[in-house]
């Protein structure tokens, strides 16, 4: 083999090894990103549950307040009627 041919083959092997390492690194990064995504996805699920719980709590309070308003307005009407007599 000539010296130039040997150098070219060595360069090709070196580049192939370099790219193989680059591909491995990219695959590791991909796996890490997928793991982070899954963690964030689970966190979002918990956040969504918390939001639904608070929304339900708010609706119950709103309903309770409206109920109290209805009772108070009914009592005020009754009191007004009583004083008119």
PDB file of N, CA and C in Angstrom:
ATOM      1  N   UNK A   1       0.836  -1.179   0.000  1.00  0.00           N
ATOM      2  CA  UNK A   1       0.000   0.000   0.000  1.00  0.00           C
ATOM      3  C   UNK A   1       0.877   1.238   0.000  1.00  0.00           C
ATOM      4  N   UNK A   2       0.373   2.214  -0.692  1.00  0.00           N
ATOM      5  CA  UNK A   2       1.137   3.450  -0.715  1.00  0.00           C
ATOM      6  C   UNK A   2       0.864   4.250   0.557  1.00  0.00           C
ATOM      7  N   UNK A   3       1.688   5.183   0.763  1.00  0.00           N
ATOM      8  CA  UNK A   3       1.577   6.012   1.964  1.00  0.00           C
ATOM      9  C   UNK A   3       0.280   6.820   1.954  1.00  0.00           C
ATOM     10  N   UNK A   4      -0.085   7.372   0.784  1.00  0.00           N
ATOM     11  CA  UNK A   4      -1.310   8.187   0.674  1.00  0.00           C
ATOM     12  C   UNK A   4      -2.555   7.328   0.909  1.00  0.00           C
ATOM     13  N   UNK A   5      -2.586   6.158   0.361  1.00  0.00           N
ATOM     14  CA  UNK A   5      -3.730   5.271   0.543  1.00  0.00           C
ATOM     15  C   UNK A   5      -3.875   4.897   2.006  1.00  0.00           C
ATOM     16  N   UNK A   6      -2.784   4.601   2.637  1.00  0.00           N
ATOM     17  CA  UNK A   6      -2.798   4.256   4.051  1.00  0.00           C
ATOM     18  C   UNK A   6      -3.298   5.428   4.894  1.00  0.00           C
ATOM     19  N   UNK A   7      -2.865   6.633   4.566  1.00  0.00           N
ATOM     20  CA  UNK A   7      -3.329   7.830   5.297  1.00  0.00           C
ATOM     21  C   UNK A   7      -4.828   8.037   5.124  1.00  0.00           C
ATOM     22  N   UNK A   8      -5.319   7.854   3.909  1.00  0.00           N
ATOM     23  CA  UNK A   8      -6.758   8.030   3.639  1.00  0.00           C
ATOM     24  C   UNK A   8      -7.580   7.014   4.438  1.00  0.00           C
ATOM     25  N   UNK A   9      -7.137   5.797   4.444  1.00  0.00           N
ATOM     26  CA  UNK A   9      -7.862   4.773   5.193  1.00  0.00           C
ATOM     27  C   UNK A   9      -7.848   5.078   6.687  1.00  0.00           C
ATOM     28  N   UNK A  10      -6.751   5.551   7.165  1.00  0.00           N
ATOM     29  CA  UNK A  10      -6.646   5.928   8.576  1.00  0.00           C
ATOM     30  C   UNK A  10      -7.588   7.091   8.880  1.00  0.00           C
ATOM     31  N   UNK A  11      -7.683   8.056   7.973  1.00  0.00           N
ATOM     32  CA  UNK A  11      -8.586   9.189   8.168  1.00  0.00           C
ATOM     33  C   UNK A  11     -10.045   8.740   8.150  1.00  0.00           C
ATOM     34  N   UNK A  12     -10.373   7.832   7.247  1.00  0.00           N
ATOM     35  CA  UNK A  12     -11.737   7.328   7.163  1.00  0.00           C
ATOM     36  C   UNK A  12     -12.091   6.591   8.451  1.00  0.00           C
ATOM     37  N   UNK A  13     -11.211   5.765   8.946  1.00  0.00           N
ATOM     38  CA  UNK A  13     -11.443   5.036  10.188  1.00  0.00           C
ATOM     39  C   UNK A  13     -11.597   6.003  11.351  1.00  0.00           C
ATOM     40  N   UNK A  14     -10.743   7.008  11.398  1.00  0.00           N
ATOM     41  CA  UNK A  14     -10.806   8.000  12.458  1.00  0.00           C
ATOM     42  C   UNK A  14     -12.136   8.743  12.417  1.00  0.00           C
ATOM     43  N   UNK A  15     -12.565   9.163  11.219  1.00  0.00           N
ATOM     44  CA  UNK A  15     -13.838   9.864  11.082  1.00  0.00           C
ATOM     45  C   UNK A  15     -15.001   8.952  11.447  1.00  0.00           C
ATOM     46  N   UNK A  16     -14.942   7.707  11.047  1.00  0.00           N
ATOM     47  CA  UNK A  16     -15.998   6.767  11.376  1.00  0.00           C
ATOM     48  C   UNK A  16     -16.106   6.592  12.879  1.00  0.00           C
ATOM     49  N   UNK A  17     -15.005   6.448  13.559  1.00  0.00           N
ATOM     50  CA  UNK A  17     -15.002   6.327  15.017  1.00  0.00           C
ATOM     51  C   UNK A  17     -15.558   7.590  15.665  1.00  0.00           C
ATOM     52  N   UNK A  18     -15.143   8.731  15.137  1.00  0.00           N
ATOM     53  CA  UNK A  18     -15.620  10.010  15.674  1.00  0.00           C
ATOM     54  C   UNK A  18     -17.137  10.104  15.534  1.00  0.00           C
ATOM     55  N   UNK A  19     -17.657   9.745  14.355  1.00  0.00           N
ATOM     56  CA  UNK A  19     -19.100   9.819  14.130  1.00  0.00           C
ATOM     57  C   UNK A  19     -19.849   8.802  14.993  1.00  0.00           C
ATOM     58  N   UNK A  20     -19.254   7.639  15.191  1.00  0.00           N
ATOM     59  CA  UNK A  20     -19.875   6.642  16.043  1.00  0.00           C
ATOM     60  C   UNK A  20     -20.027   7.189  17.464  1.00  0.00           C
ATOM     61  N   UNK A  21     -19.001   7.861  17.952  1.00  0.00           N
ATOM     62  CA  UNK A  21     -19.061   8.478  19.285  1.00  0.00           C
ATOM     63  C   UNK A  21     -20.095   9.605  19.318  1.00  0.00           C
ATOM     64  N   UNK A  22     -20.156  10.380  18.269  1.00  0.00           N
ATOM     65  CA  UNK A  22     -21.150  11.455  18.180  1.00  0.00           C
ATOM     66  C   UNK A  22     -22.572  10.880  18.218  1.00  0.00           C
ATOM     67  N   UNK A  23     -22.782   9.793  17.494  1.00  0.00           N
ATOM     68  CA  UNK A  23     -24.105   9.155  17.476  1.00  0.00           C
ATOM     69  C   UNK A  23     -24.456   8.627  18.857  1.00  0.00           C
ATOM     70  N   UNK A  24     -23.504   8.024  19.546  1.00  0.00           N
ATOM     71  CA  UNK A  24     -23.753   7.541  20.908  1.00  0.00           C
ATOM     72  C   UNK A  24     -24.123   8.691  21.831  1.00  0.00           C
ATOM     73  N   UNK A  25     -23.416   9.799  21.705  1.00  0.00           N
ATOM     74  CA  UNK A  25     -23.701  10.969  22.542  1.00  0.00           C
ATOM     75  C   UNK A  25     -25.095  11.527  22.241  1.00  0.00           C
ATOM     76  N   UNK A  26     -25.446  11.572  20.983  1.00  0.00           N
ATOM     77  CA  UNK A  26     -26.775  12.060  20.598  1.00  0.00           C
ATOM     78  C   UNK A  26     -27.854  11.142  21.171  1.00  0.00           C
ATOM     79  N   UNK A  27     -27.641   9.838  21.104  1.00  0.00           N
ATOM     80  CA  UNK A  27     -28.616   8.888  21.670  1.00  0.00           C
ATOM     81  C   UNK A  27     -28.733   9.036  23.181  1.00  0.00           C
ATOM     82  N   UNK A  28     -27.612   9.276  23.873  1.00  0.00           N
ATOM     83  CA  UNK A  28     -27.669   9.516  25.322  1.00  0.00           C
ATOM     84  C   UNK A  28     -28.470  10.771  25.629  1.00  0.00           C
ATOM     85  N   UNK A  29     -28.207  11.831  24.848  1.00  0.00           N
ATOM     86  CA  UNK A  29     -28.953  13.081  25.038  1.00  0.00           C
ATOM     87  C   UNK A  29     -30.446  12.870  24.797  1.00  0.00           C
ATOM     88  N   UNK A  30     -30.758  12.073  23.786  1.00  0.00           N
ATOM     89  CA  UNK A  30     -32.153  11.776  23.471  1.00  0.00           C
ATOM     90  C   UNK A  30     -32.824  11.060  24.641  1.00  0.00           C
ATOM     91  N   UNK A  31     -32.158  10.061  25.197  1.00  0.00           N
ATOM     92  CA  UNK A  31     -32.703   9.328  26.340  1.00  0.00           C
ATOM     93  C   UNK A  31     -32.913  10.252  27.542  1.00  0.00           C
ATOM     94  N   UNK A  32     -31.936  11.117  27.806  1.00  0.00           N
ATOM     95  CA  UNK A  32     -32.061  12.062  28.920  1.00  0.00           C
ATOM     96  C   UNK A  32     -33.236  13.017  28.711  1.00  0.00           C
ATOM     97  N   UNK A  33     -33.397  13.487  27.486  1.00  0.00           N
ATOM     98  CA  UNK A  33     -34.503  14.399  27.193  1.00  0.00           C
ATOM     99  C   UNK A  33     -35.847  13.701  27.351  1.00  0.00           C
ATOM    100  N   UNK A  34     -35.923  12.433  26.941  1.00  0.00           N
ATOM    101  CA  UNK A  34     -37.169  11.682  27.102  1.00  0.00           C
ATOM    102  C   UNK A  34     -37.495  11.467  28.578  1.00  0.00           C
ATOM    103  N   UNK A  35     -36.472  11.202  29.395  1.00  0.00           N
ATOM    104  CA  UNK A  35     -36.691  11.034  30.833  1.00  0.00           C
ATOM    105  C   UNK A  35     -37.192  12.341  31.455  1.00  0.00           C
ATOM    106  N   UNK A  36     -36.580  13.455  31.085  1.00  0.00           N
ATOM    107  CA  UNK A  36     -37.010  14.760  31.594  1.00  0.00           C
ATOM    108  C   UNK A  36     -38.448  15.059  31.165  1.00  0.00           C
ATOM    109  N   UNK A  37     -38.771  14.717  29.919  1.00  0.00           N
ATOM    110  CA  UNK A  37     -40.119  14.944  29.413  1.00  0.00           C
ATOM    111  C   UNK A  37     -41.139  14.156  30.232  1.00  0.00           C
ATOM    112  N   UNK A  38     -40.826  12.905  30.516  1.00  0.00           N
ATOM    113  CA  UNK A  38     -41.743  12.072  31.308  1.00  0.00           C
ATOM    114  C   UNK A  38     -41.935  12.645  32.707  1.00  0.00           C
ATOM    115  N   UNK A  39     -40.850  13.129  33.323  1.00  0.00           N
ATOM    116  CA  UNK A  39     -40.964  13.737  34.652  1.00  0.00           C
ATOM    117  C   UNK A  39     -41.855  14.971  34.608  1.00  0.00           C
ATOM    118  N   UNK A  40     -41.647  15.800  33.600  1.00  0.00           N
ATOM    119  CA  UNK A  40     -42.462  17.013  33.481  1.00  0.00           C
ATOM    120  C   UNK A  40     -43.914  16.666  33.186  1.00  0.00           C
ATOM    121  N   UNK A  41     -44.111  15.625  32.403  1.00  0.00           N
ATOM    122  CA  UNK A  41     -45.466  15.193  32.078  1.00  0.00           C
ATOM    123  C   UNK A  41     -46.188  14.723  33.338  1.00  0.00           C
ATOM    124  N   UNK A  42     -45.493  13.979  34.199  1.00  0.00           N
ATOM    125  CA  UNK A  42     -46.080  13.552  35.468  1.00  0.00           C
ATOM    126  C   UNK A  42     -46.385  14.758  36.349  1.00  0.00           C
ATOM    127  N   UNK A  43     -45.475  15.722  36.382  1.00  0.00           N
ATOM    128  CA  UNK A  43     -45.695  16.942  37.162  1.00  0.00           C
ATOM    129  C   UNK A  43     -46.902  17.706  36.666  1.00  0.00           C
ATOM    130  N   UNK A  44     -47.097  17.727  35.359  1.00  0.00           N
ATOM    131  CA  UNK A  44     -48.251  18.413  34.798  1.00  0.00           C
ATOM    132  C   UNK A  44     -49.539  17.709  35.206  1.00  0.00           C
ATOM    133  N   UNK A  45     -49.501  16.383  35.260  1.00  0.00           N
ATOM    134  CA  UNK A  45     -50.685  15.633  35.697  1.00  0.00           C
ATOM    135  C   UNK A  45     -51.060  16.000  37.115  1.00  0.00           C
ATOM    136  N   UNK A  46     -50.062  16.125  37.991  1.00  0.00           N
ATOM    137  CA  UNK A  46     -50.326  16.524  39.375  1.00  0.00           C
ATOM    138  C   UNK A  46     -50.850  17.947  39.432  1.00  0.00           C
ATOM    139  N   UNK A  47     -50.300  18.795  38.602  1.00  0.00           N
ATOM    140  CA  UNK A  47     -50.756  20.184  38.550  1.00  0.00           C
ATOM    141  C   UNK A  47     -52.206  20.249  38.088  1.00  0.00           C
ATOM    142  N   UNK A  48     -52.542  19.435  37.103  1.00  0.00           N
ATOM    143  CA  UNK A  48     -53.907  19.400  36.598  1.00  0.00           C
ATOM    144  C   UNK A  48     -54.873  18.923  37.680  1.00  0.00           C
ATOM    145  N   UNK A  49     -54.471  17.919  38.462  1.00  0.00           N
ATOM    146  CA  UNK A  49     -55.313  17.439  39.557  1.00  0.00           C
ATOM    147  C   UNK A  49     -55.512  18.531  40.601  1.00  0.00           C
ATOM    148  N   UNK A  50     -54.450  19.250  40.918  1.00  0.00           N
ATOM    149  CA  UNK A  50     -54.542  20.340  41.892  1.00  0.00           C
ATOM    150  C   UNK A  50     -55.490  21.419  41.378  1.00  0.00           C
ATOM    151  N   UNK A  51     -55.379  21.733  40.102  1.00  0.00           N
ATOM    152  CA  UNK A  51     -56.254  22.737  39.514  1.00  0.00           C
ATOM    153  C   UNK A  51     -57.718  22.303  39.605  1.00  0.00           C
ATOM    154  N   UNK A  52     -57.994  21.051  39.273  1.00  0.00           N
ATOM    155  CA  UNK A  52     -59.377  20.564  39.335  1.00  0.00           C
ATOM    156  C   UNK A  52     -59.898  20.579  40.767  1.00  0.00           C
ATOM    157  N   UNK A  53     -59.054  20.215  41.729  1.00  0.00           N
ATOM    158  CA  UNK A  53     -59.456  20.244  43.134  1.00  0.00           C
ATOM    159  C   UNK A  53     -59.818  21.659  43.557  1.00  0.00           C
ATOM    160  N   UNK A  54     -58.973  22.632  43.193  1.00  0.00           N
ATOM    161  CA  UNK A  54     -59.230  24.018  43.587  1.00  0.00           C
ATOM    162  C   UNK A  54     -60.448  24.587  42.862  1.00  0.00           C
ATOM    163  N   UNK A  55     -60.628  24.186  41.623  1.00  0.00           N
ATOM    164  CA  UNK A  55     -61.808  24.636  40.891  1.00  0.00           C
ATOM    165  C   UNK A  55     -63.081  24.101  41.554  1.00  0.00           C
ATOM    166  N   UNK A  56     -63.061  22.843  41.943  1.00  0.00           N
ATOM    167  CA  UNK A  56     -64.197  22.243  42.629  1.00  0.00           C
ATOM    168  C   UNK A  56     -64.458  22.950  43.961  1.00  0.00           C
ATOM    169  N   UNK A  57     -63.394  23.233  44.703  1.00  0.00           N
ATOM    170  CA  UNK A  57     -63.506  23.948  45.970  1.00  0.00           C
ATOM    171  C   UNK A  57     -64.129  25.327  45.757  1.00  0.00           C
ATOM    172  N   UNK A  58     -63.666  26.035  44.736  1.00  0.00           N
ATOM    173  CA  UNK A  58     -64.196  27.356  44.414  1.00  0.00           C
ATOM    174  C   UNK A  58     -65.681  27.278  44.065  1.00  0.00           C
ATOM    175  N   UNK A  59     -66.062  26.281  43.274  1.00  0.00           N
ATOM    176  CA  UNK A  59     -67.471  26.138  42.899  1.00  0.00           C
ATOM    177  C   UNK A  59     -68.346  25.850  44.109  1.00  0.00           C
ATOM    178  N   UNK A  60     -67.844  25.019  45.038  1.00  0.00           N
ATOM    179  CA  UNK A  60     -68.621  24.738  46.254  1.00  0.00           C
ATOM    180  C   UNK A  60     -68.791  26.002  47.086  1.00  0.00           C
ATOM    181  N   UNK A  61     -67.733  26.804  47.199  1.00  0.00           N
ATOM    182  CA  UNK A  61     -67.822  28.054  47.966  1.00  0.00           C
ATOM    183  C   UNK A  61     -68.796  29.015  47.287  1.00  0.00           C
ATOM    184  N   UNK A  62     -68.694  29.124  45.982  1.00  0.00           N
ATOM    185  CA  UNK A  62     -69.602  30.005  45.232  1.00  0.00           C
ATOM    186  C   UNK A  62     -71.053  29.571  45.427  1.00  0.00           C
ATOM    187  N   UNK A  63     -71.294  28.281  45.336  1.00  0.00           N
ATOM    188  CA  UNK A  63     -72.647  27.760  45.547  1.00  0.00           C
ATOM    189  C   UNK A  63     -73.134  28.082  46.955  1.00  0.00           C
ATOM    190  N   UNK A  64     -72.258  27.895  47.926  1.00  0.00           N
ATOM    191  CA  UNK A  64     -72.620  28.172  49.318  1.00  0.00           C
ATOM    192  C   UNK A  64     -72.941  29.650  49.512  1.00  0.00           C
ATOM    193  N   UNK A  65     -72.133  30.517  48.937  1.00  0.00           N
ATOM    194  CA  UNK A  65     -72.377  31.966  49.048  1.00  0.00           C
ATOM    195  C   UNK A  65     -73.704  32.331  48.396  1.00  0.00           C
ATOM    196  N   UNK A  66     -73.963  31.785  47.229  1.00  0.00           N
ATOM    197  CA  UNK A  66     -75.234  32.072  46.550  1.00  0.00           C
ATOM    198  C   UNK A  66     -76.419  31.570  47.362  1.00  0.00           C
ATOM    199  N   UNK A  67     -76.247  30.428  47.997  1.00  0.00           N
ATOM    200  CA  UNK A  67     -77.301  29.896  48.859  1.00  0.00           C
ATOM    201  C   UNK A  67     -77.567  30.849  50.025  1.00  0.00           C
ATOM    202  N   UNK A  68     -76.483  31.339  50.645  1.00  0.00           N
ATOM    203  CA  UNK A  68     -76.617  32.284  51.758  1.00  0.00           C
ATOM    204  C   UNK A  68     -77.298  33.562  51.291  1.00  0.00           C
ATOM    205  N   UNK A  69     -76.952  34.045  50.116  1.00  0.00           N
ATOM    206  CA  UNK A  69     -77.583  35.256  49.584  1.00  0.00           C
ATOM    207  C   UNK A  69     -79.079  35.045  49.397  1.00  0.00           C
ATOM    208  N   UNK A  70     -79.436  33.869  48.906  1.00  0.00           N
ATOM    209  CA  UNK A  70     -80.848  33.574  48.704  1.00  0.00           C
ATOM    210  C   UNK A  70     -81.591  33.570  50.035  1.00  0.00           C
ATOM    211  N   UNK A  71     -80.986  32.939  51.025  1.00  0.00           N
ATOM    212  CA  UNK A  71     -81.611  32.891  52.365  1.00  0.00           C
ATOM    213  C   UNK A  71     -81.728  34.299  52.939  1.00  0.00           C
ATOM    214  N   UNK A  72     -80.658  35.092  52.817  1.00  0.00           N
ATOM    215  CA  UNK A  72     -80.689  36.460  53.349  1.00  0.00           C
ATOM    216  C   UNK A  72     -81.713  37.315  52.630  1.00  0.00           C
ATOM    217  N   UNK A  73     -81.772  37.198  51.313  1.00  0.00           N
ATOM    218  CA  UNK A  73     -82.751  38.021  50.596  1.00  0.00           C
ATOM    219  C   UNK A  73     -84.171  37.590  50.945  1.00  0.00           C
ATOM    220  N   UNK A  74     -84.382  36.305  51.150  1.00  0.00           N
ATOM    221  CA  UNK A  74     -85.699  35.825  51.577  1.00  0.00           C
ATOM    222  C   UNK A  74     -86.028  36.359  52.965  1.00  0.00           C
ATOM    223  N   UNK A  75     -85.087  36.343  53.874  1.00  0.00           N
ATOM    224  CA  UNK A  75     -85.308  36.866  55.231  1.00  0.00           C
ATOM    225  C   UNK A  75     -85.561  38.365  55.215  1.00  0.00           C
ATOM    226  N   UNK A  76     -84.851  39.097  54.380  1.00  0.00           N
ATOM    227  CA  UNK A  76     -85.067  40.541  54.298  1.00  0.00           C
ATOM    228  C   UNK A  76     -86.481  40.843  53.820  1.00  0.00           C
ATOM    229  N   UNK A  77     -86.953  40.087  52.853  1.00  0.00           N
ATOM    230  CA  UNK A  77     -88.316  40.284  52.361  1.00  0.00           C
ATOM    231  C   UNK A  77     -89.301  39.998  53.477  1.00  0.00           C
ATOM    232  N   UNK A  78     -89.080  38.936  54.195  1.00  0.00           N
ATOM    233  CA  UNK A  78     -89.958  38.578  55.303  1.00  0.00           C
ATOM    234  C   UNK A  78     -89.919  39.658  56.380  1.00  0.00           C
ATOM    235  N   UNK A  79     -88.721  40.154  56.704  1.00  0.00           N
ATOM    236  CA  UNK A  79     -88.600  41.209  57.719  1.00  0.00           C
ATOM    237  C   UNK A  79     -89.302  42.469  57.232  1.00  0.00           C
ATOM    238  N   UNK A  80     -89.160  42.822  55.991  1.00  0.00           N
ATOM    239  CA  UNK A  80     -89.830  44.012  55.463  1.00  0.00           C
ATOM    240  C   UNK A  80     -91.354  43.846  55.543  1.00  0.00           C
ATOM    241  N   UNK A  81     -91.787  42.653  55.191  1.00  0.00           N
ATOM    242  CA  UNK A  81     -93.230  42.416  55.266  1.00  0.00           C
ATOM    243  C   UNK A  81     -93.724  42.496  56.716  1.00  0.00           C
ATOM    244  N   UNK A  82     -92.967  41.982  57.619  1.00  0.00           N
ATOM    245  CA  UNK A  82     -93.337  42.007  59.030  1.00  0.00           C
ATOM    246  C   UNK A  82     -93.448  43.423  59.546  1.00  0.00           C
ATOM    247  N   UNK A  83     -92.524  44.272  59.161  1.00  0.00           N
ATOM    248  CA  UNK A  83     -92.569  45.661  59.654  1.00  0.00           C
ATOM    249  C   UNK A  83     -93.698  46.453  59.004  1.00  0.00           C
ATOM    250  N   UNK A  84     -94.162  46.053  57.886  1.00  0.00           N
ATOM    251  CA  UNK A  84     -95.257  46.771  57.233  1.00  0.00           C
ATOM    252  C   UNK A  84     -96.582  46.547  57.967  1.00  0.00           C
ATOM    253  N   UNK A  85     -96.706  45.474  58.656  1.00  0.00           N
ATOM    254  CA  UNK A  85     -97.964  45.165  59.346  1.00  0.00           C
ATOM    255  C   UNK A  85     -98.188  46.046  60.488  1.00  0.00           C
TER     256      UNK A  85
END
